[in-house]
Protein backbone atom coordinates (compact mmCIF):
# COMPACT_ATOMS: atom_id res chain seq x y z
CA MET A 1 0.17 0.09 0.10
CA VAL A 2 1.25 3.50 -0.98
CA THR A 3 1.33 5.70 2.09
CA SER A 4 2.07 9.43 2.00
CA THR A 5 5.13 8.67 4.07
CA HIS A 6 6.49 6.72 0.99
CA GLU A 7 5.52 9.22 -1.57
CA THR A 8 7.00 12.21 0.51
CA SER A 9 10.24 10.02 1.04
CA HIS A 10 10.93 10.16 -3.12
CA ARG A 11 8.70 12.94 -4.13
CA ILE A 12 10.89 15.55 -2.31
CA PHE A 13 13.70 14.65 -4.94
CA GLN A 14 11.75 16.06 -7.76
CA ASP A 15 11.11 19.32 -6.21
CA HIS A 16 14.33 19.69 -4.33
CA PRO A 17 17.44 17.53 -5.66
CA GLU A 18 19.75 19.23 -3.46
CA VAL A 19 18.62 16.63 -1.10
CA LEU A 20 20.96 14.23 -3.39
CA PHE A 21 24.06 15.49 -1.66
CA PRO A 22 24.89 12.47 0.20
CA VAL A 23 24.62 10.46 -2.75
CA PHE A 24 26.94 12.94 -4.79
CA GLU A 25 29.30 13.48 -1.97
CA ALA A 26 30.07 9.34 -1.69
CA LEU A 27 30.50 8.93 -4.99
CA GLY A 28 32.82 11.79 -5.48
CA LEU A 29 30.41 13.73 -8.20
CA PRO A 30 29.93 17.42 -8.55
CA PRO A 31 27.31 18.67 -5.98
CA PRO A 32 23.55 18.60 -7.44
CA ALA A 33 23.82 22.36 -7.62
CA LYS A 34 26.28 22.15 -10.59
CA ALA A 35 24.06 19.70 -12.40
CA THR A 36 21.09 19.76 -14.35
CA ILE A 37 18.56 17.50 -12.83
CA GLU A 38 15.13 16.75 -14.72
CA ALA A 39 12.52 14.69 -13.44
CA LEU A 40 11.40 11.86 -16.11
CA THR A 41 7.82 9.55 -16.16
CA PRO A 42 8.54 6.78 -13.56
CA ASP A 43 6.70 4.30 -16.21
CA ALA A 44 8.75 1.28 -16.54
CA THR A 45 6.12 -0.40 -18.17
CA GLU A 46 6.70 -2.57 -21.50
CA ILE A 47 3.32 -4.65 -21.81
CA LYS A 48 0.39 -3.91 -19.85
CA PRO A 49 0.05 -7.06 -17.68
CA LEU A 50 3.55 -6.59 -16.24
CA GLU A 51 2.92 -3.11 -15.15
CA ARG A 52 5.85 -1.60 -13.12
CA ARG A 53 6.54 2.01 -11.77
CA VAL A 54 9.47 3.63 -10.41
CA ASP A 55 9.06 5.88 -7.50
CA THR A 56 11.23 8.84 -9.04
CA VAL A 57 13.32 8.92 -11.72
CA LEU A 58 15.84 12.12 -12.53
CA ARG A 59 18.00 12.62 -15.66
CA VAL A 60 21.32 14.02 -14.21
CA GLU A 61 23.51 15.94 -16.54
CA PRO A 62 26.62 16.59 -14.63
CA SER A 63 28.71 20.03 -15.02
CA ASP A 64 31.71 17.73 -15.44
CA GLY A 65 31.27 14.56 -16.80
CA ASP A 66 28.99 12.13 -18.53
CA GLY A 67 25.04 11.95 -17.54
CA PHE A 68 23.06 9.42 -15.42
CA LEU A 69 19.74 8.29 -14.56
CA ILE A 70 18.93 7.85 -10.57
CA ALA A 71 15.84 5.79 -9.86
CA ILE A 72 14.62 6.33 -6.29
CA GLU A 73 12.81 3.95 -4.25
CA ALA A 74 10.96 4.56 -1.00
CA GLN A 75 11.35 1.27 1.01
CA THR A 76 9.40 1.31 4.76
CA GLY A 77 10.51 -2.31 5.29
CA LYS A 78 11.26 -5.34 3.73
CA VAL A 79 9.09 -6.70 0.60
CA ARG A 80 9.27 -10.07 -1.04
CA GLY A 81 10.19 -10.07 -4.57
CA LYS A 82 11.41 -6.42 -4.16
CA GLY A 83 15.07 -7.06 -5.26
CA LEU A 84 13.36 -8.61 -8.74
CA SER A 85 11.63 -5.34 -9.64
CA TRP A 86 14.37 -3.51 -8.78
CA SER A 87 16.79 -5.48 -11.30
CA TYR A 88 14.06 -4.95 -13.97
CA TYR A 89 13.69 -1.26 -13.23
CA VAL A 90 17.45 -0.97 -13.71
CA ALA A 91 17.75 -3.15 -16.59
CA TYR A 92 14.77 -1.52 -18.61
CA LEU A 93 15.83 1.82 -17.71
CA HIS A 94 18.99 1.62 -18.83
CA ALA A 95 18.03 -0.12 -22.27
CA LYS A 96 15.35 2.56 -22.86
CA PHE A 97 17.53 5.87 -22.08
CA GLY A 98 20.94 4.35 -22.88
CA LEU A 99 22.41 5.92 -19.91
CA PRO A 100 24.03 4.41 -16.60
CA VAL A 101 21.24 3.86 -13.31
CA LEU A 102 21.92 4.51 -9.77
CA LEU A 103 19.06 3.01 -7.98
CA VAL A 104 18.82 4.69 -4.45
CA ALA A 105 16.79 3.33 -1.50
CA VAL A 106 15.25 5.50 0.82
CA CYS A 107 14.97 3.95 4.40
CA ARG A 108 13.64 5.13 7.62
CA ASN A 109 15.33 2.17 9.59
CA ARG A 110 18.45 0.00 10.02
CA PRO A 111 17.17 -3.34 9.45
CA THR A 112 15.69 -2.21 6.08
CA ALA A 113 18.64 -0.24 4.79
CA ALA A 114 20.80 -3.29 5.56
CA TRP A 115 18.34 -5.51 3.27
CA ALA A 116 18.00 -2.94 0.96
CA ALA A 117 21.72 -2.64 -0.02
CA GLY A 118 21.69 -6.07 -1.36
CA PRO A 119 23.22 -6.97 -3.73
CA PHE A 120 20.43 -8.83 -5.48
CA GLU A 121 21.72 -11.66 -7.49
CA CYS A 122 20.43 -13.53 -10.57
CA ARG A 123 22.51 -16.84 -10.43
CA VAL A 124 22.93 -20.16 -11.74
CA GLY A 125 25.53 -22.26 -9.57
CA THR A 126 28.11 -20.16 -9.16
CA TRP A 127 27.57 -17.70 -11.79
CA THR A 128 26.33 -14.52 -11.51
CA SER A 129 24.48 -13.12 -14.58
CA GLN A 130 23.21 -9.88 -12.73
CA ALA A 131 23.66 -8.05 -9.33
CA THR A 132 21.77 -5.02 -8.47
CA ARG A 133 23.15 -3.23 -5.87
CA PRO A 134 21.12 -0.02 -4.63
CA PHE A 135 22.62 2.88 -2.98
CA VAL A 136 21.05 3.24 0.43
CA LEU A 137 20.28 6.76 1.94
CA GLY A 138 19.18 5.73 5.63
CA PRO A 139 19.93 6.59 9.44
CA ASP A 140 23.65 5.71 8.95
CA ASN A 141 24.25 8.06 6.06
CA VAL A 142 21.77 10.71 6.39
CA PRO A 143 22.90 13.22 9.26
CA GLU A 144 20.68 14.18 12.30
CA ILE A 145 20.08 17.88 12.35
CA THR A 146 21.46 19.22 15.35
CA ASP A 147 22.27 22.84 14.26
CA GLU A 148 19.03 25.10 14.15
CA SER A 149 21.00 27.70 11.58
CA LEU A 150 21.15 24.59 9.31
CA VAL A 151 17.18 24.24 8.78
CA ALA A 152 17.35 27.87 7.49
CA ARG A 153 20.37 27.30 5.01
CA ALA A 154 18.82 24.07 4.33
CA PRO A 155 15.42 23.19 4.61
CA ALA A 156 14.98 20.52 2.32
CA MET A 157 17.72 18.60 3.67
CA ALA A 158 16.70 18.87 7.23
CA THR A 159 13.20 17.94 6.30
CA PHE A 160 14.23 14.80 4.48
CA SER A 161 16.56 14.12 7.46
CA ALA A 162 13.70 14.29 9.93
CA ILE A 163 11.44 11.97 7.92
CA VAL A 164 14.42 9.61 7.54
CA HIS A 165 15.29 9.43 11.04
CA SER A 166 11.47 9.29 12.30
CA GLU A 167 11.87 5.84 13.72
CA SER A 168 15.03 6.61 15.92
CA GLU A 169 15.41 7.66 19.69
CA ASN A 170 16.09 10.88 18.84
CA ALA A 171 13.14 11.37 16.49
CA PRO A 172 11.29 13.72 18.87
CA ALA A 173 14.40 16.04 19.80
CA ILE A 174 15.05 16.18 15.85
CA LEU A 175 11.57 17.42 15.41
CA ASP A 176 11.83 20.03 18.37
CA MET A 177 15.35 21.13 16.81
CA LEU A 178 13.50 21.63 13.16
CA ALA A 179 10.52 23.46 14.57
CA ARG A 180 13.05 25.89 16.51
CA GLY A 181 15.03 26.37 13.33
CA MET A 182 11.85 26.75 11.00
CA ARG A 183 10.83 29.75 13.30
CA SER A 184 13.10 32.15 11.35
CA PHE A 185 11.26 31.70 8.24
CA ASP A 186 8.32 33.54 6.74
CA LYS A 187 5.02 32.58 7.21
CA ALA A 188 4.36 31.16 3.66
CA THR A 189 7.80 28.85 3.90
CA ALA A 190 6.85 27.92 7.34
CA LYS A 191 3.75 26.58 6.14
CA TYR A 192 5.48 24.99 2.92
CA TRP A 193 7.83 22.91 4.88
CA CYS A 194 5.55 22.21 7.54
CA GLU A 195 3.19 20.45 5.30
CA TRP A 196 6.03 18.39 3.79
CA LEU A 197 6.92 17.31 6.84
CA GLU A 198 3.77 16.46 8.23
CA VAL A 199 2.61 14.42 5.02
CA GLY A 200 5.93 12.62 5.46
CA LEU A 201 5.66 11.78 9.19
CA GLU A 202 2.08 9.78 8.87
CA ASN A 203 1.68 6.49 10.30
CA THR A 204 5.22 7.09 12.29
CA PRO A 205 5.51 7.01 15.56
CA VAL A 206 6.19 10.89 15.88
CA GLN A 207 3.24 11.99 13.87
CA GLU A 208 1.61 13.37 16.99
CA THR A 209 4.74 14.96 18.30
CA TRP A 210 5.28 17.40 15.56
CA ARG A 211 1.51 17.80 15.27
CA GLU A 212 1.89 19.87 18.52
CA LEU A 213 5.45 21.38 17.66
CA GLU A 214 3.75 22.55 14.19
CA LYS A 215 1.53 24.49 15.63
CA MET A 216 4.39 26.77 17.54
CA VAL A 217 6.07 27.04 14.25
CA ALA A 218 4.79 29.94 12.41
CA THR A 219 3.23 31.48 15.63
CA TYR A 220 6.36 31.85 17.62
CA PHE A 221 7.34 35.74 16.81
CA PRO A 222 4.76 38.52 17.70
CA GLY A 223 3.22 40.68 15.11
CA ARG A 224 1.55 38.36 13.09
CA GLY A 225 -1.81 37.68 14.41
CA THR A 226 -1.13 34.43 15.34
CA LEU A 227 -3.00 32.16 17.81
CA PHE A 228 -0.05 31.97 20.34
CA GLU A 229 0.38 35.92 19.86
CA GLN A 230 -3.66 36.37 20.88
CA THR A 231 -3.32 34.15 23.63
CA TYR A 232 0.01 35.84 24.87
CA LEU A 233 -1.69 39.14 24.70
CA GLU A 234 -4.72 37.90 26.70
CA GLY A 235 -2.69 36.79 29.22
CA LYS A 236 -3.69 33.29 28.52
CA ALA A 237 -2.10 30.31 26.94
CA GLU A 238 -4.85 27.52 26.78
CA GLY A 239 -3.43 26.24 23.39
CA THR A 240 0.02 25.52 24.68
CA VAL A 241 -1.23 23.81 28.02
CA VAL A 242 -3.39 21.67 25.95
CA SER A 243 -0.31 20.66 23.65
CA LEU A 244 1.90 20.37 26.80
CA LEU A 245 -0.54 17.77 28.54
CA ARG A 246 -1.50 15.94 25.31
CA VAL A 247 2.33 15.38 24.78
CA LEU A 248 2.92 14.19 28.26
CA GLU A 249 -0.26 12.16 27.98
CA LYS A 250 1.31 10.28 24.89
CA ARG A 251 4.55 9.99 26.69
CA GLY A 252 3.26 8.49 29.47
CA VAL A 253 4.73 10.80 32.03
CA PRO A 254 2.85 10.84 35.25
CA LEU A 255 1.18 13.81 36.71
CA SER A 256 -0.28 14.34 40.30
CA PRO A 257 -2.94 17.02 40.64
CA ASP A 258 -0.47 19.64 42.03
CA ASP A 259 1.56 18.92 38.92
CA ARG A 260 -1.43 18.89 36.48
CA GLU A 261 -2.76 22.43 38.46
CA ARG A 262 0.87 23.98 37.95
CA ILE A 263 0.73 23.52 34.20
CA THR A 264 -3.19 24.68 33.77
CA THR A 265 -2.76 27.98 35.84
CA CYS A 266 0.32 28.80 34.09
CA THR A 267 -0.02 31.91 32.05
CA ASP A 268 3.66 32.51 31.34
CA LEU A 269 4.11 31.66 27.26
CA ASP A 270 7.98 31.63 27.72
CA THR A 271 7.29 28.97 30.79
CA LEU A 272 5.02 27.02 28.99
CA THR A 273 7.22 26.80 25.91
CA ARG A 274 10.16 25.64 28.23
CA TRP A 275 8.02 22.92 29.73
CA PHE A 276 6.98 22.05 26.38
CA ASP A 277 10.49 21.80 24.84
CA ARG A 278 11.47 19.39 28.10
CA ALA A 279 8.07 17.19 27.82
CA LEU A 280 9.55 15.89 24.32
CA THR A 281 12.34 13.96 26.39
CA ALA A 282 11.36 14.22 30.16
CA THR A 283 10.15 11.01 32.06
CA SER A 284 8.98 12.75 34.80
CA ALA A 285 7.43 16.11 36.31
CA ALA A 286 10.83 16.53 38.20
CA LEU A 287 12.52 16.71 35.33
CA LEU A 288 10.28 18.81 33.51
CA PHE A 289 9.81 21.84 36.26
CA ALA A 290 13.44 21.55 37.19
CA GLU A 291 15.34 24.88 37.30
CA GLY A 292 17.97 25.98 34.98
């Protein structure tokens, strides 16, 4: 079944080929910014009953060197027979366009990434007639975002990284950093990347975490007529309180009646924001309210 997460994991390359930087760097190729990259039809069908479709196909013309194709497949888990499909894609695209083909598999967890690396072989006895070895983009070679300023400089890479690491233990902290970095965007830009990420995180463990963080991204600075600004001016912060309590509930952090009252009666937005950030990783109310 094709999911929104699946679609976002490969379609981002069509609109933002700079996300391919780790691939180009690993292969010693000129960076994507110096290459002409064109999206091609992903249809790899020859006979109607044998319909096959690659997620994304890009034609790359480097500034220095020969052109080639990149076939991108988003893979959320191991699939029986996928190696056969990938071998077909590579052989068909190579024959159709007369260009070498680089197959890139995008994976969100290490077990899937290890499997996707192949090789997927067609062999008889000891003789291998064909071997398909995808280049895997996954948690081991897509860097985690740890710098807010990088979000502003490379929002596409930051968004893609958050999707790739959405199943890791650090996912909540990565999303928190991404949300902080997005506060430097104008409202339209923030909305654009928030939507990319919300779709990309569908059916992942951190989908709800991002939805709560998303409310704070484009509503951080005053003068924009946002919900948080209005509640701040009114001396209230109900929206933040509700978000904070939902995160704590989802993460199973126990709260005493006094703890809950302390949160619901707080009207200082800075304090609530600090508690919200801590709620993404805190395991107790003591850590949530800790000084410093």
